[in-house]
Protein backbone atom coordinates (compact mmCIF):
# COMPACT_ATOMS: atom_id res chain seq x y z
CA MET A 1 37.37 118.16 94.41
CA PHE A 2 37.16 115.37 96.91
CA ILE A 3 35.52 115.13 100.34
CA LEU A 4 37.55 112.76 102.46
CA SER A 5 35.64 111.50 105.53
CA LEU A 6 37.76 109.80 108.17
CA THR A 7 36.18 107.51 110.74
CA TYR A 8 38.28 106.44 113.69
CA LYS A 9 38.64 102.63 114.23
CA VAL A 10 40.52 102.92 117.51
CA ASP A 11 40.22 104.54 120.92
CA LEU A 12 40.94 108.31 121.10
CA THR A 13 44.07 107.62 123.17
CA GLU A 14 45.51 105.76 120.16
CA VAL A 15 44.34 108.53 117.86
CA ASP A 16 46.14 111.09 120.06
CA ARG A 17 49.36 109.06 119.88
CA HIS A 18 49.52 109.64 116.10
CA LEU A 19 47.97 113.14 115.99
CA GLU A 20 51.32 115.02 115.75
CA THR A 21 52.42 113.07 112.64
CA HIS A 22 48.97 113.30 111.18
CA ILE A 23 49.06 117.11 111.50
CA ALA A 24 52.55 117.17 109.91
CA TRP A 25 51.02 115.14 107.00
CA LEU A 26 48.15 117.61 106.71
CA LYS A 27 50.56 120.54 106.58
CA ALA A 28 52.47 118.83 103.78
CA GLY A 29 49.23 118.36 101.88
CA TYR A 30 48.46 121.99 102.23
CA GLU A 31 51.87 122.97 101.06
CA ALA A 32 51.54 120.70 98.06
CA GLY A 33 48.24 122.39 97.16
CA LEU A 34 46.25 119.20 97.56
CA ILE A 35 44.38 119.91 100.81
CA LEU A 36 42.03 122.90 100.93
CA ALA A 37 40.43 122.50 104.37
CA SER A 38 40.48 120.02 107.26
CA GLY A 39 39.04 119.54 110.67
CA ARG A 40 37.55 117.10 113.18
CA LYS A 41 34.00 115.75 113.34
CA ASN A 42 31.85 116.79 116.32
CA PRO A 43 31.49 114.57 118.28
CA ARG A 44 35.10 113.54 117.82
CA SER A 45 34.64 110.33 115.74
CA GLY A 46 36.92 111.25 112.88
CA GLY A 47 37.58 114.13 110.50
CA VAL A 48 36.82 115.68 107.15
CA ILE A 49 39.24 116.91 104.50
CA LEU A 50 38.47 118.87 101.37
CA ALA A 51 41.12 118.01 98.79
CA ARG A 52 41.85 118.59 95.09
CA GLY A 53 43.74 116.62 92.49
CA ASP A 54 43.03 113.45 90.56
CA ARG A 55 42.16 110.05 91.87
CA LEU A 56 45.79 108.84 91.83
CA GLN A 57 47.01 111.88 93.77
CA ILE A 58 44.22 111.48 96.33
CA GLY A 59 45.03 107.75 96.72
CA ALA A 60 48.73 108.53 97.22
CA LEU A 61 47.80 111.24 99.68
CA ILE A 62 45.65 108.92 101.80
CA ALA A 63 48.19 106.13 101.61
CA ALA A 64 50.77 108.47 103.19
CA ASP A 65 48.60 109.54 106.13
CA PRO A 66 49.84 108.00 109.40
CA PHE A 67 46.18 107.48 110.30
CA SER A 68 45.90 105.25 107.22
CA LEU A 69 49.35 103.65 107.65
CA TYR A 70 48.68 102.62 111.24
CA GLY A 71 45.03 101.56 110.87
CA ILE A 72 43.71 104.49 112.97
CA ALA A 73 40.98 105.57 110.62
CA ASP A 74 38.98 104.38 107.57
CA TYR A 75 38.57 106.81 104.66
CA SER A 76 35.39 107.42 102.60
CA ILE A 77 36.10 109.32 99.37
CA THR A 78 33.47 111.39 97.59
CA ASP A 79 34.25 113.01 94.23
CA PHE A 80 32.46 116.35 94.27
CA THR A 81 32.08 119.18 91.72
CA ALA A 82 31.19 122.47 93.21
CA THR A 83 28.80 124.39 90.85
CA MET A 84 27.93 127.20 93.20
CA THR A 85 29.70 128.78 96.15
CA ALA A 86 29.33 131.65 98.64
CA PRO A 87 31.17 134.80 97.75
CA GLY A 88 34.96 134.39 98.33
CA LEU A 89 34.90 130.64 97.79
CA GLU A 90 34.86 130.68 93.90
CA ALA A 91 38.23 128.90 93.83
CA LEU A 92 36.46 125.74 94.97
CA MET A 93 34.79 125.52 91.55
CA GLU A 94 38.11 124.93 89.76
């Protein structure tokens, strides 16, 4: 599993201009089974995505994000292996 941490590089008005296409990209990632969870940071300085796949798939996923394509956000990638979970979240250990 990967923890993708996005940090905005531009003003929120520019983020909002690309938000609709970013959300469409997120939905495609969910449909492909690559994205497990996503949401914004509080305060709104970026976002966090939990994703699964291999490094090549994650790299291609990020490269296709409008936030990456248009220089809206930087990505930090953490490869993470869940060894324990709360009840109901056991699928995260796959």
